[in-house]
Structures are given as structure tokens and as C-alpha cells.
Amino acid sequence: MDAVRQEDLSLRNRWVHFKIRDVYFPDPKDVSIALHADDILQGKVIDLSDSGNQELAYAVIEIEGLNQPVIVAVERILGAL
């Protein structure tokens, strides 16, 4: 996890919000993008990717009511509580 920036690490175990359209995985259609693409979701960051040589780091986020976590690019997170 050496390549993850320090500010990204500060997101771990924090509640964050983001747009459904910015969900990388699972397919946003599974999160009702057609009806709610601009809705804001809130969830808890449970893990962060090691971005390595990639331009983006990703956050694994648990959302209450969904049976699997979603993956969102850290740069697409709108804020943290």
C-alpha cells in the first residue's frame, strides 16, 4: 500500500458521499443509474486500493442497504464526514 497518498489514507473508516454515476464497480446499472444518476450516496470507506502506477486510487465503500460494497475513484468522492 506504499503508493496510496497520505490524504487518501485519512478516508479509511470515514463516511463519504459520491454520485451513483461515479461508482466503478458493480456496474452502475445495478445501483439504479438510469433513475438516480445524480443522487448522492453515503457510505463508509472500508479499504483503499494501492494505486501503484495507476493515476487513480479507489475506495471500497459499504453502503447501508446494498449487499456488496461499491468501488469509487477517490478523486470522485465529494466529501467526508
C-alpha atoms as a PDB file:
ATOM      1  CA  MET A   1       0.000   0.000   0.000  1.00  0.00           C
ATOM      2  CA  ASP A   2       3.014   2.297  -0.317  1.00  0.00           C
ATOM      3  CA  ALA A   3       1.635   4.150  -3.339  1.00  0.00           C
ATOM      4  CA  VAL A   4      -1.551   5.358  -1.603  1.00  0.00           C
ATOM      5  CA  ARG A   5      -1.276   9.028  -0.714  1.00  0.00           C
ATOM      6  CA  GLN A   6      -1.457  10.043   2.951  1.00  0.00           C
ATOM      7  CA  GLU A   7      -4.607  12.139   2.389  1.00  0.00           C
ATOM      8  CA  ASP A   8      -6.284   9.082   0.839  1.00  0.00           C
ATOM      9  CA  LEU A   9      -5.444   7.020   3.925  1.00  0.00           C
ATOM     10  CA  SER A  10      -7.288   9.551   6.067  1.00  0.00           C
ATOM     11  CA  LEU A  11     -10.534   8.391   4.391  1.00  0.00           C
ATOM     12  CA  ARG A  12     -10.383   4.906   5.884  1.00  0.00           C
ATOM     13  CA  ASN A  13     -13.311   4.276   8.275  1.00  0.00           C
ATOM     14  CA  ARG A  14     -14.877   7.635   7.397  1.00  0.00           C
ATOM     15  CA  TRP A  15     -18.311   8.232   5.899  1.00  0.00           C
ATOM     16  CA  VAL A  16     -18.129   9.690   2.389  1.00  0.00           C
ATOM     17  CA  HIS A  17     -20.626  10.724  -0.276  1.00  0.00           C
ATOM     18  CA  PHE A  18     -20.483  10.442  -4.051  1.00  0.00           C
ATOM     19  CA  LYS A  19     -22.710  10.284  -7.131  1.00  0.00           C
ATOM     20  CA  ILE A  20     -24.098   6.946  -8.259  1.00  0.00           C
ATOM     21  CA  ARG A  21     -22.715   7.582 -11.756  1.00  0.00           C
ATOM     22  CA  ASP A  22     -19.189   7.595 -10.263  1.00  0.00           C
ATOM     23  CA  VAL A  23     -19.451   4.015  -8.990  1.00  0.00           C
ATOM     24  CA  TYR A  24     -16.775   1.979 -10.743  1.00  0.00           C
ATOM     25  CA  PHE A  25     -17.958  -1.438  -9.554  1.00  0.00           C
ATOM     26  CA  PRO A  26     -20.508  -3.005  -9.554  1.00  0.00           C
ATOM     27  CA  ASP A  27     -21.956  -1.829 -12.827  1.00  0.00           C
ATOM     28  CA  PRO A  28     -23.815   1.396 -12.012  1.00  0.00           C
ATOM     29  CA  LYS A  29     -26.935  -0.087 -13.622  1.00  0.00           C
ATOM     30  CA  ASP A  30     -27.043  -2.358 -10.606  1.00  0.00           C
ATOM     31  CA  VAL A  31     -27.262   0.765  -8.460  1.00  0.00           C
ATOM     32  CA  SER A  32     -30.125   2.260 -10.487  1.00  0.00           C
ATOM     33  CA  ILE A  33     -28.132   4.756 -12.543  1.00  0.00           C
ATOM     34  CA  ALA A  34     -30.969   5.182 -15.019  1.00  0.00           C
ATOM     35  CA  LEU A  35     -33.246   6.625 -12.339  1.00  0.00           C
ATOM     36  CA  HIS A  36     -30.829   8.150  -9.863  1.00  0.00           C
ATOM     37  CA  ALA A  37     -27.527   9.015 -11.572  1.00  0.00           C
ATOM     38  CA  ASP A  38     -27.203  12.381  -9.842  1.00  0.00           C
ATOM     39  CA  ASP A  39     -28.389  11.221  -6.437  1.00  0.00           C
ATOM     40  CA  ILE A  40     -25.796  11.385  -3.693  1.00  0.00           C
ATOM     41  CA  LEU A  41     -24.987   8.195  -1.805  1.00  0.00           C
ATOM     42  CA  GLN A  42     -23.272   7.933   1.539  1.00  0.00           C
ATOM     43  CA  GLY A  43     -21.210   5.033   2.736  1.00  0.00           C
ATOM     44  CA  LYS A  44     -18.259   4.049   4.883  1.00  0.00           C
ATOM     45  CA  VAL A  45     -14.810   3.545   3.352  1.00  0.00           C
ATOM     46  CA  ILE A  46     -13.620   0.086   4.358  1.00  0.00           C
ATOM     47  CA  ASP A  47     -10.498  -0.148   2.210  1.00  0.00           C
ATOM     48  CA  LEU A  48      -8.354   1.723  -0.296  1.00  0.00           C
ATOM     49  CA  SER A  49      -6.545   0.375  -3.337  1.00  0.00           C
ATOM     50  CA  ASP A  50      -2.837   0.538  -3.840  1.00  0.00           C
ATOM     51  CA  SER A  51      -2.870   2.732  -6.928  1.00  0.00           C
ATOM     52  CA  GLY A  52       0.653   1.638  -7.896  1.00  0.00           C
ATOM     53  CA  ASN A  53       1.495   3.199 -11.241  1.00  0.00           C
ATOM     54  CA  GLN A  54      -2.148   3.942 -11.952  1.00  0.00           C
ATOM     55  CA  GLU A  55      -3.339   7.508 -11.976  1.00  0.00           C
ATOM     56  CA  LEU A  56      -6.275   6.798  -9.656  1.00  0.00           C
ATOM     57  CA  ALA A  57      -6.680   5.238  -6.264  1.00  0.00           C
ATOM     58  CA  TYR A  58     -10.015   3.597  -5.470  1.00  0.00           C
ATOM     59  CA  ALA A  59     -12.061   3.383  -2.289  1.00  0.00           C
ATOM     60  CA  VAL A  60     -14.099   0.322  -1.317  1.00  0.00           C
ATOM     61  CA  ILE A  61     -17.282   1.660   0.278  1.00  0.00           C
ATOM     62  CA  GLU A  62     -20.035  -0.105   2.233  1.00  0.00           C
ATOM     63  CA  ILE A  63     -23.498   1.349   1.714  1.00  0.00           C
ATOM     64  CA  GLU A  64     -26.338   0.513   4.059  1.00  0.00           C
ATOM     65  CA  GLY A  65     -28.969  -1.449   2.156  1.00  0.00           C
ATOM     66  CA  LEU A  66     -26.633  -2.835  -0.535  1.00  0.00           C
ATOM     67  CA  ASN A  67     -25.419  -6.392  -0.102  1.00  0.00           C
ATOM     68  CA  GLN A  68     -21.973  -5.732  -1.595  1.00  0.00           C
ATOM     69  CA  PRO A  69     -19.576  -2.815  -1.339  1.00  0.00           C
ATOM     70  CA  VAL A  70     -19.029  -0.423  -4.242  1.00  0.00           C
ATOM     71  CA  ILE A  71     -15.749   0.868  -5.627  1.00  0.00           C
ATOM     72  CA  VAL A  72     -15.350   4.577  -6.380  1.00  0.00           C
ATOM     73  CA  ALA A  73     -12.315   6.535  -7.593  1.00  0.00           C
ATOM     74  CA  VAL A  74     -11.007   8.551  -4.629  1.00  0.00           C
ATOM     75  CA  GLU A  75     -10.939  11.692  -6.764  1.00  0.00           C
ATOM     76  CA  ARG A  76     -14.733  11.351  -7.309  1.00  0.00           C
ATOM     77  CA  ILE A  77     -15.570  11.420  -3.589  1.00  0.00           C
ATOM     78  CA  LEU A  78     -17.400  14.681  -2.925  1.00  0.00           C
ATOM     79  CA  GLY A  79     -16.663  14.966   0.772  1.00  0.00           C
ATOM     80  CA  ALA A  80     -16.098  13.119   4.016  1.00  0.00           C
ATOM     81  CA  LEU A  81     -17.606  13.312   7.480  1.00  0.00           C
END
